[in-house]
Amino acid sequence: MSSISPETISSSEPATIHAWVENRMVFVELTDKRILGFPASRFTRLKVATDEQLSKVELRLDGFALRWEEIDEDITVPGVVAGNFELP
């Protein structure tokens, strides 16, 4: 689970202030108070990651990116908000 203080975000585009994984669903809480979720199976590396690896999500770039160090995966938050997923 990762969190970032809302005060550190100064952009008008929503960024993530909190990210977590439950039942192979990745959730992000945005600076505009929305909570979005997507199945890990929508990204190749997340799809094959273990539950433990998935749980190690970190926020990067002031909340504009999600990072999983162990599996070398980075996902942009604007891409998630726009519905841009790697797999159908």
PDB file of N, CA and C in Angstrom:
ATOM      1  N   MET A   1       0.841  -1.164   0.000  1.00  0.00           N
ATOM      2  CA  MET A   1       0.000   0.000   0.000  1.00  0.00           C
ATOM      3  C   MET A   1       0.891   1.232   0.000  1.00  0.00           C
ATOM      4  N   SER A   2       0.552   2.210  -0.848  1.00  0.00           N
ATOM      5  CA  SER A   2       1.321   3.445  -0.951  1.00  0.00           C
ATOM      6  C   SER A   2       0.395   4.635  -0.809  1.00  0.00           C
ATOM      7  N   SER A   3       0.920   5.696  -0.229  1.00  0.00           N
ATOM      8  CA  SER A   3       0.159   6.934  -0.076  1.00  0.00           C
ATOM      9  C   SER A   3       1.055   8.128  -0.318  1.00  0.00           C
ATOM     10  N   ILE A   4       0.458   9.227  -0.728  1.00  0.00           N
ATOM     11  CA  ILE A   4       1.158  10.492  -0.898  1.00  0.00           C
ATOM     12  C   ILE A   4       0.258  11.581  -0.352  1.00  0.00           C
ATOM     13  N   SER A   5       0.836  12.586   0.230  1.00  0.00           N
ATOM     14  CA  SER A   5       0.046  13.659   0.821  1.00  0.00           C
ATOM     15  C   SER A   5      -0.614  14.489  -0.271  1.00  0.00           C
ATOM     16  N   PRO A   6      -1.917  14.774  -0.156  1.00  0.00           N
ATOM     17  CA  PRO A   6      -2.608  15.584  -1.173  1.00  0.00           C
ATOM     18  C   PRO A   6      -1.994  16.967  -1.321  1.00  0.00           C
ATOM     19  N   GLU A   7      -1.358  17.473  -0.270  1.00  0.00           N
ATOM     20  CA  GLU A   7      -0.763  18.805  -0.324  1.00  0.00           C
ATOM     21  C   GLU A   7       0.431  18.877  -1.272  1.00  0.00           C
ATOM     22  N   THR A   8       1.034  17.714  -1.595  1.00  0.00           N
ATOM     23  CA  THR A   8       2.201  17.734  -2.476  1.00  0.00           C
ATOM     24  C   THR A   8       1.810  17.775  -3.947  1.00  0.00           C
ATOM     25  N   ILE A   9       0.540  17.642  -4.245  1.00  0.00           N
ATOM     26  CA  ILE A   9       0.061  17.635  -5.619  1.00  0.00           C
ATOM     27  C   ILE A   9      -0.412  19.032  -5.992  1.00  0.00           C
ATOM     28  N   SER A  10       0.174  19.591  -7.068  1.00  0.00           N
ATOM     29  CA  SER A  10      -0.215  20.949  -7.445  1.00  0.00           C
ATOM     30  C   SER A  10      -0.797  21.026  -8.855  1.00  0.00           C
ATOM     31  N   SER A  11      -0.942  19.908  -9.524  1.00  0.00           N
ATOM     32  CA  SER A  11      -1.456  19.893 -10.888  1.00  0.00           C
ATOM     33  C   SER A  11      -2.984  19.859 -10.887  1.00  0.00           C
ATOM     34  N   SER A  12      -3.582  20.360 -11.973  1.00  0.00           N
ATOM     35  CA  SER A  12      -5.030  20.282 -12.096  1.00  0.00           C
ATOM     36  C   SER A  12      -5.486  18.902 -12.564  1.00  0.00           C
ATOM     37  N   GLU A  13      -4.579  18.106 -13.123  1.00  0.00           N
ATOM     38  CA  GLU A  13      -4.907  16.736 -13.522  1.00  0.00           C
ATOM     39  C   GLU A  13      -4.845  15.841 -12.291  1.00  0.00           C
ATOM     40  N   PRO A  14      -5.832  14.971 -12.097  1.00  0.00           N
ATOM     41  CA  PRO A  14      -5.827  14.145 -10.888  1.00  0.00           C
ATOM     42  C   PRO A  14      -4.620  13.216 -10.830  1.00  0.00           C
ATOM     43  N   ALA A  15      -4.065  13.114  -9.657  1.00  0.00           N
ATOM     44  CA  ALA A  15      -2.976  12.186  -9.386  1.00  0.00           C
ATOM     45  C   ALA A  15      -3.442  11.245  -8.290  1.00  0.00           C
ATOM     46  N   THR A  16      -2.666  10.229  -8.019  1.00  0.00           N
ATOM     47  CA  THR A  16      -2.999   9.263  -6.985  1.00  0.00           C
ATOM     48  C   THR A  16      -2.440   9.716  -5.647  1.00  0.00           C
ATOM     49  N   ILE A  17      -3.281   9.653  -4.617  1.00  0.00           N
ATOM     50  CA  ILE A  17      -2.797   9.928  -3.266  1.00  0.00           C
ATOM     51  C   ILE A  17      -2.699   8.646  -2.449  1.00  0.00           C
ATOM     52  N   HIS A  18      -3.293   7.554  -2.968  1.00  0.00           N
ATOM     53  CA  HIS A  18      -3.283   6.281  -2.252  1.00  0.00           C
ATOM     54  C   HIS A  18      -3.517   5.168  -3.273  1.00  0.00           C
ATOM     55  N   ALA A  19      -2.753   4.092  -3.162  1.00  0.00           N
ATOM     56  CA  ALA A  19      -2.926   2.937  -4.050  1.00  0.00           C
ATOM     57  C   ALA A  19      -2.856   1.662  -3.225  1.00  0.00           C
ATOM     58  N   TRP A  20      -3.688   0.684  -3.598  1.00  0.00           N
ATOM     59  CA  TRP A  20      -3.685  -0.587  -2.900  1.00  0.00           C
ATOM     60  C   TRP A  20      -4.255  -1.658  -3.818  1.00  0.00           C
ATOM     61  N   VAL A  21      -4.062  -2.923  -3.418  1.00  0.00           N
ATOM     62  CA  VAL A  21      -4.532  -4.068  -4.193  1.00  0.00           C
ATOM     63  C   VAL A  21      -5.366  -4.963  -3.286  1.00  0.00           C
ATOM     64  N   GLU A  22      -6.540  -5.362  -3.786  1.00  0.00           N
ATOM     65  CA  GLU A  22      -7.418  -6.315  -3.099  1.00  0.00           C
ATOM     66  C   GLU A  22      -7.944  -7.307  -4.112  1.00  0.00           C
ATOM     67  N   ASN A  23      -7.789  -8.583  -3.822  1.00  0.00           N
ATOM     68  CA  ASN A  23      -8.333  -9.639  -4.687  1.00  0.00           C
ATOM     69  C   ASN A  23      -7.961  -9.440  -6.150  1.00  0.00           C
ATOM     70  N   ARG A  24      -6.696  -9.102  -6.394  1.00  0.00           N
ATOM     71  CA  ARG A  24      -6.126  -8.920  -7.734  1.00  0.00           C
ATOM     72  C   ARG A  24      -6.751  -7.737  -8.481  1.00  0.00           C
ATOM     73  N   MET A  25      -7.346  -6.822  -7.736  1.00  0.00           N
ATOM     74  CA  MET A  25      -7.825  -5.550  -8.279  1.00  0.00           C
ATOM     75  C   MET A  25      -6.926  -4.457  -7.737  1.00  0.00           C
ATOM     76  N   VAL A  26      -6.470  -3.574  -8.624  1.00  0.00           N
ATOM     77  CA  VAL A  26      -5.640  -2.443  -8.232  1.00  0.00           C
ATOM     78  C   VAL A  26      -6.558  -1.238  -8.090  1.00  0.00           C
ATOM     79  N   PHE A  27      -6.477  -0.566  -6.949  1.00  0.00           N
ATOM     80  CA  PHE A  27      -7.296   0.607  -6.679  1.00  0.00           C
ATOM     81  C   PHE A  27      -6.411   1.828  -6.488  1.00  0.00           C
ATOM     82  N   VAL A  28      -6.901   2.966  -6.966  1.00  0.00           N
ATOM     83  CA  VAL A  28      -6.219   4.241  -6.746  1.00  0.00           C
ATOM     84  C   VAL A  28      -7.242   5.259  -6.257  1.00  0.00           C
ATOM     85  N   GLU A  29      -6.851   6.020  -5.244  1.00  0.00           N
ATOM     86  CA  GLU A  29      -7.647   7.152  -4.799  1.00  0.00           C
ATOM     87  C   GLU A  29      -6.987   8.397  -5.361  1.00  0.00           C
ATOM     88  N   LEU A  30      -7.762   9.190  -6.081  1.00  0.00           N
ATOM     89  CA  LEU A  30      -7.229  10.360  -6.771  1.00  0.00           C
ATOM     90  C   LEU A  30      -7.385  11.623  -5.939  1.00  0.00           C
ATOM     91  N   THR A  31      -6.629  12.637  -6.305  1.00  0.00           N
ATOM     92  CA  THR A  31      -6.686  13.921  -5.604  1.00  0.00           C
ATOM     93  C   THR A  31      -8.068  14.554  -5.687  1.00  0.00           C
ATOM     94  N   ASP A  32      -8.863  14.187  -6.691  1.00  0.00           N
ATOM     95  CA  ASP A  32     -10.226  14.731  -6.802  1.00  0.00           C
ATOM     96  C   ASP A  32     -11.249  13.857  -6.070  1.00  0.00           C
ATOM     97  N   LYS A  33     -10.762  12.944  -5.228  1.00  0.00           N
ATOM     98  CA  LYS A  33     -11.566  12.077  -4.352  1.00  0.00           C
ATOM     99  C   LYS A  33     -12.187  10.865  -5.036  1.00  0.00           C
ATOM    100  N   ARG A  34     -11.992  10.697  -6.347  1.00  0.00           N
ATOM    101  CA  ARG A  34     -12.489   9.488  -7.005  1.00  0.00           C
ATOM    102  C   ARG A  34     -11.627   8.301  -6.607  1.00  0.00           C
ATOM    103  N   ILE A  35     -12.241   7.130  -6.588  1.00  0.00           N
ATOM    104  CA  ILE A  35     -11.520   5.879  -6.412  1.00  0.00           C
ATOM    105  C   ILE A  35     -11.795   5.039  -7.647  1.00  0.00           C
ATOM    106  N   LEU A  36     -10.720   4.648  -8.321  1.00  0.00           N
ATOM    107  CA  LEU A  36     -10.829   3.825  -9.527  1.00  0.00           C
ATOM    108  C   LEU A  36     -10.158   2.488  -9.270  1.00  0.00           C
ATOM    109  N   GLY A  37     -10.688   1.453  -9.899  1.00  0.00           N
ATOM    110  CA  GLY A  37     -10.099   0.130  -9.784  1.00  0.00           C
ATOM    111  C   GLY A  37     -10.046  -0.542 -11.134  1.00  0.00           C
ATOM    112  N   PHE A  38      -9.035  -1.383 -11.296  1.00  0.00           N
ATOM    113  CA  PHE A  38      -8.930  -2.173 -12.521  1.00  0.00           C
ATOM    114  C   PHE A  38      -8.316  -3.521 -12.179  1.00  0.00           C
ATOM    115  N   PRO A  39      -8.689  -4.565 -12.936  1.00  0.00           N
ATOM    116  CA  PRO A  39      -8.131  -5.892 -12.682  1.00  0.00           C
ATOM    117  C   PRO A  39      -6.661  -5.952 -13.089  1.00  0.00           C
ATOM    118  N   ALA A  40      -5.863  -6.607 -12.277  1.00  0.00           N
ATOM    119  CA  ALA A  40      -4.447  -6.779 -12.598  1.00  0.00           C
ATOM    120  C   ALA A  40      -4.278  -7.484 -13.943  1.00  0.00           C
ATOM    121  N   SER A  41      -5.240  -8.267 -14.328  1.00  0.00           N
ATOM    122  CA  SER A  41      -5.157  -9.024 -15.584  1.00  0.00           C
ATOM    123  C   SER A  41      -5.173  -8.134 -16.829  1.00  0.00           C
ATOM    124  N   ARG A  42      -5.350  -6.823 -16.677  1.00  0.00           N
ATOM    125  CA  ARG A  42      -5.355  -5.907 -17.824  1.00  0.00           C
ATOM    126  C   ARG A  42      -3.938  -5.507 -18.247  1.00  0.00           C
ATOM    127  N   PHE A  43      -2.920  -5.960 -17.487  1.00  0.00           N
ATOM    128  CA  PHE A  43      -1.523  -5.677 -17.808  1.00  0.00           C
ATOM    129  C   PHE A  43      -0.719  -6.970 -17.731  1.00  0.00           C
ATOM    130  N   THR A  44       0.109  -7.225 -18.732  1.00  0.00           N
ATOM    131  CA  THR A  44       0.836  -8.481 -18.863  1.00  0.00           C
ATOM    132  C   THR A  44       1.617  -8.849 -17.609  1.00  0.00           C
ATOM    133  N   ARG A  45       2.436  -7.952 -17.105  1.00  0.00           N
ATOM    134  CA  ARG A  45       3.279  -8.280 -15.943  1.00  0.00           C
ATOM    135  C   ARG A  45       2.461  -8.413 -14.663  1.00  0.00           C
ATOM    136  N   LEU A  46       1.427  -7.604 -14.523  1.00  0.00           N
ATOM    137  CA  LEU A  46       0.587  -7.719 -13.330  1.00  0.00           C
ATOM    138  C   LEU A  46      -0.208  -9.017 -13.350  1.00  0.00           C
ATOM    139  N   LYS A  47      -0.604  -9.444 -14.523  1.00  0.00           N
ATOM    140  CA  LYS A  47      -1.409 -10.664 -14.679  1.00  0.00           C
ATOM    141  C   LYS A  47      -0.676 -11.889 -14.126  1.00  0.00           C
ATOM    142  N   VAL A  48       0.630 -11.950 -14.320  1.00  0.00           N
ATOM    143  CA  VAL A  48       1.394 -13.124 -13.890  1.00  0.00           C
ATOM    144  C   VAL A  48       2.082 -12.927 -12.536  1.00  0.00           C
ATOM    145  N   ALA A  49       1.938 -11.749 -11.946  1.00  0.00           N
ATOM    146  CA  ALA A  49       2.557 -11.480 -10.652  1.00  0.00           C
ATOM    147  C   ALA A  49       1.840 -12.247  -9.547  1.00  0.00           C
ATOM    148  N   THR A  50       2.583 -12.562  -8.495  1.00  0.00           N
ATOM    149  CA  THR A  50       1.970 -13.187  -7.329  1.00  0.00           C
ATOM    150  C   THR A  50       1.162 -12.131  -6.564  1.00  0.00           C
ATOM    151  N   ASP A  51       0.299 -12.586  -5.678  1.00  0.00           N
ATOM    152  CA  ASP A  51      -0.464 -11.652  -4.844  1.00  0.00           C
ATOM    153  C   ASP A  51       0.486 -10.787  -4.009  1.00  0.00           C
ATOM    154  N   GLU A  52       1.544 -11.392  -3.499  1.00  0.00           N
ATOM    155  CA  GLU A  52       2.517 -10.645  -2.697  1.00  0.00           C
ATOM    156  C   GLU A  52       3.202  -9.561  -3.541  1.00  0.00           C
ATOM    157  N   GLN A  53       3.597  -9.903  -4.763  1.00  0.00           N
ATOM    158  CA  GLN A  53       4.222  -8.917  -5.648  1.00  0.00           C
ATOM    159  C   GLN A  53       3.254  -7.779  -5.965  1.00  0.00           C
ATOM    160  N   LEU A  54       2.002  -8.115  -6.240  1.00  0.00           N
ATOM    161  CA  LEU A  54       0.998  -7.089  -6.540  1.00  0.00           C
ATOM    162  C   LEU A  54       0.805  -6.119  -5.381  1.00  0.00           C
ATOM    163  N   SER A  55       0.868  -6.629  -4.172  1.00  0.00           N
ATOM    164  CA  SER A  55       0.617  -5.788  -2.997  1.00  0.00           C
ATOM    165  C   SER A  55       1.696  -4.733  -2.791  1.00  0.00           C
ATOM    166  N   LYS A  56       2.815  -4.854  -3.472  1.00  0.00           N
ATOM    167  CA  LYS A  56       3.944  -3.934  -3.278  1.00  0.00           C
ATOM    168  C   LYS A  56       3.912  -2.744  -4.242  1.00  0.00           C
ATOM    169  N   VAL A  57       2.743  -2.219  -4.499  1.00  0.00           N
ATOM    170  CA  VAL A  57       2.596  -1.066  -5.379  1.00  0.00           C
ATOM    171  C   VAL A  57       3.130   0.178  -4.677  1.00  0.00           C
ATOM    172  N   GLU A  58       3.850   1.004  -5.440  1.00  0.00           N
ATOM    173  CA  GLU A  58       4.408   2.256  -4.930  1.00  0.00           C
ATOM    174  C   GLU A  58       3.958   3.400  -5.825  1.00  0.00           C
ATOM    175  N   LEU A  59       3.840   4.573  -5.231  1.00  0.00           N
ATOM    176  CA  LEU A  59       3.534   5.770  -6.003  1.00  0.00           C
ATOM    177  C   LEU A  59       4.835   6.423  -6.427  1.00  0.00           C
ATOM    178  N   ARG A  60       4.871   6.882  -7.670  1.00  0.00           N
ATOM    179  CA  ARG A  60       6.041   7.578  -8.201  1.00  0.00           C
ATOM    180  C   ARG A  60       5.580   8.837  -8.919  1.00  0.00           C
ATOM    181  N   LEU A  61       6.520   9.685  -9.249  1.00  0.00           N
ATOM    182  CA  LEU A  61       6.271  10.924  -9.997  1.00  0.00           C
ATOM    183  C   LEU A  61       5.143  11.744  -9.379  1.00  0.00           C
ATOM    184  N   ASP A  62       5.229  11.960  -8.074  1.00  0.00           N
ATOM    185  CA  ASP A  62       4.225  12.755  -7.350  1.00  0.00           C
ATOM    186  C   ASP A  62       2.807  12.219  -7.528  1.00  0.00           C
ATOM    187  N   GLY A  63       2.667  10.899  -7.630  1.00  0.00           N
ATOM    188  CA  GLY A  63       1.355  10.289  -7.736  1.00  0.00           C
ATOM    189  C   GLY A  63       0.832  10.112  -9.148  1.00  0.00           C
ATOM    190  N   PHE A  64       1.665  10.408 -10.140  1.00  0.00           N
ATOM    191  CA  PHE A  64       1.242  10.254 -11.537  1.00  0.00           C
ATOM    192  C   PHE A  64       1.655   8.915 -12.149  1.00  0.00           C
ATOM    193  N   ALA A  65       2.298   8.060 -11.346  1.00  0.00           N
ATOM    194  CA  ALA A  65       2.693   6.738 -11.840  1.00  0.00           C
ATOM    195  C   ALA A  65       2.613   5.727 -10.702  1.00  0.00           C
ATOM    196  N   LEU A  66       2.307   4.481 -11.075  1.00  0.00           N
ATOM    197  CA  LEU A  66       2.330   3.346 -10.160  1.00  0.00           C
ATOM    198  C   LEU A  66       3.535   2.500 -10.527  1.00  0.00           C
ATOM    199  N   ARG A  67       4.228   1.977  -9.516  1.00  0.00           N
ATOM    200  CA  ARG A  67       5.445   1.197  -9.753  1.00  0.00           C
ATOM    201  C   ARG A  67       5.418  -0.074  -8.926  1.00  0.00           C
ATOM    202  N   TRP A  68       5.779  -1.189  -9.582  1.00  0.00           N
ATOM    203  CA  TRP A  68       5.999  -2.469  -8.931  1.00  0.00           C
ATOM    204  C   TRP A  68       7.452  -2.841  -9.197  1.00  0.00           C
ATOM    205  N   GLU A  69       8.314  -2.611  -8.228  1.00  0.00           N
ATOM    206  CA  GLU A  69       9.757  -2.803  -8.393  1.00  0.00           C
ATOM    207  C   GLU A  69      10.120  -4.247  -8.723  1.00  0.00           C
ATOM    208  N   GLU A  70       9.571  -5.205  -7.973  1.00  0.00           N
ATOM    209  CA  GLU A  70       9.935  -6.620  -8.152  1.00  0.00           C
ATOM    210  C   GLU A  70       9.645  -7.149  -9.551  1.00  0.00           C
ATOM    211  N   ILE A  71       8.599  -6.648 -10.163  1.00  0.00           N
ATOM    212  CA  ILE A  71       8.241  -7.152 -11.494  1.00  0.00           C
ATOM    213  C   ILE A  71       8.561  -6.140 -12.592  1.00  0.00           C
ATOM    214  N   ASP A  72       9.219  -5.034 -12.222  1.00  0.00           N
ATOM    215  CA  ASP A  72       9.663  -4.003 -13.164  1.00  0.00           C
ATOM    216  C   ASP A  72       8.513  -3.478 -14.032  1.00  0.00           C
ATOM    217  N   GLU A  73       7.440  -3.061 -13.369  1.00  0.00           N
ATOM    218  CA  GLU A  73       6.263  -2.537 -14.075  1.00  0.00           C
ATOM    219  C   GLU A  73       5.959  -1.119 -13.621  1.00  0.00           C
ATOM    220  N   ASP A  74       5.692  -0.248 -14.588  1.00  0.00           N
ATOM    221  CA  ASP A  74       5.276   1.124 -14.342  1.00  0.00           C
ATOM    222  C   ASP A  74       4.007   1.386 -15.138  1.00  0.00           C
ATOM    223  N   ILE A  75       3.031   2.025 -14.499  1.00  0.00           N
ATOM    224  CA  ILE A  75       1.770   2.354 -15.157  1.00  0.00           C
ATOM    225  C   ILE A  75       1.453   3.811 -14.837  1.00  0.00           C
ATOM    226  N   THR A  76       1.082   4.577 -15.853  1.00  0.00           N
ATOM    227  CA  THR A  76       0.758   5.976 -15.605  1.00  0.00           C
ATOM    228  C   THR A  76      -0.678   6.116 -15.105  1.00  0.00           C
ATOM    229  N   VAL A  77      -0.862   6.995 -14.162  1.00  0.00           N
ATOM    230  CA  VAL A  77      -2.201   7.242 -13.626  1.00  0.00           C
ATOM    231  C   VAL A  77      -3.097   7.905 -14.674  1.00  0.00           C
ATOM    232  N   PRO A  78      -2.614   8.901 -15.437  1.00  0.00           N
ATOM    233  CA  PRO A  78      -3.476   9.440 -16.498  1.00  0.00           C
ATOM    234  C   PRO A  78      -3.940   8.366 -17.488  1.00  0.00           C
ATOM    235  N   GLY A  79      -3.087   7.379 -17.762  1.00  0.00           N
ATOM    236  CA  GLY A  79      -3.482   6.278 -18.640  1.00  0.00           C
ATOM    237  C   GLY A  79      -4.597   5.444 -18.044  1.00  0.00           C
ATOM    238  N   VAL A  80      -4.505   5.166 -16.751  1.00  0.00           N
ATOM    239  CA  VAL A  80      -5.553   4.406 -16.065  1.00  0.00           C
ATOM    240  C   VAL A  80      -6.861   5.195 -16.074  1.00  0.00           C
ATOM    241  N   VAL A  81      -6.777   6.492 -15.761  1.00  0.00           N
ATOM    242  CA  VAL A  81      -7.978   7.338 -15.748  1.00  0.00           C
ATOM    243  C   VAL A  81      -8.634   7.354 -17.127  1.00  0.00           C
ATOM    244  N   ALA A  82      -7.822   7.350 -18.197  1.00  0.00           N
ATOM    245  CA  ALA A  82      -8.335   7.361 -19.566  1.00  0.00           C
ATOM    246  C   ALA A  82      -8.799   5.984 -20.041  1.00  0.00           C
ATOM    247  N   GLY A  83      -8.527   4.944 -19.235  1.00  0.00           N
ATOM    248  CA  GLY A  83      -8.933   3.593 -19.625  1.00  0.00           C
ATOM    249  C   GLY A  83      -7.991   2.935 -20.604  1.00  0.00           C
ATOM    250  N   ASN A  84      -6.749   3.378 -20.635  1.00  0.00           N
ATOM    251  CA  ASN A  84      -5.739   2.797 -21.533  1.00  0.00           C
ATOM    252  C   ASN A  84      -5.082   1.604 -20.850  1.00  0.00           C
ATOM    253  N   PHE A  85      -5.527   0.408 -21.224  1.00  0.00           N
ATOM    254  CA  PHE A  85      -4.983  -0.808 -20.646  1.00  0.00           C
ATOM    255  C   PHE A  85      -4.241  -1.591 -21.713  1.00  0.00           C
ATOM    256  N   GLU A  86      -3.297  -2.403 -21.276  1.00  0.00           N
ATOM    257  CA  GLU A  86      -2.463  -3.169 -22.185  1.00  0.00           C
ATOM    258  C   GLU A  86      -3.224  -4.348 -22.808  1.00  0.00           C
ATOM    259  N   LEU A  87      -4.073  -4.994 -22.022  1.00  0.00           N
ATOM    260  CA  LEU A  87      -4.804  -6.159 -22.490  1.00  0.00           C
ATOM    261  C   LEU A  87      -6.309  -5.914 -22.435  1.00  0.00           C
ATOM    262  N   PRO A  88      -7.066  -6.618 -23.288  1.00  0.00           N
ATOM    263  CA  PRO A  88      -8.523  -6.446 -23.296  1.00  0.00           C
ATOM    264  C   PRO A  88      -9.173  -6.946 -22.022  1.00  0.00           C
TER     265      PRO A  88
END
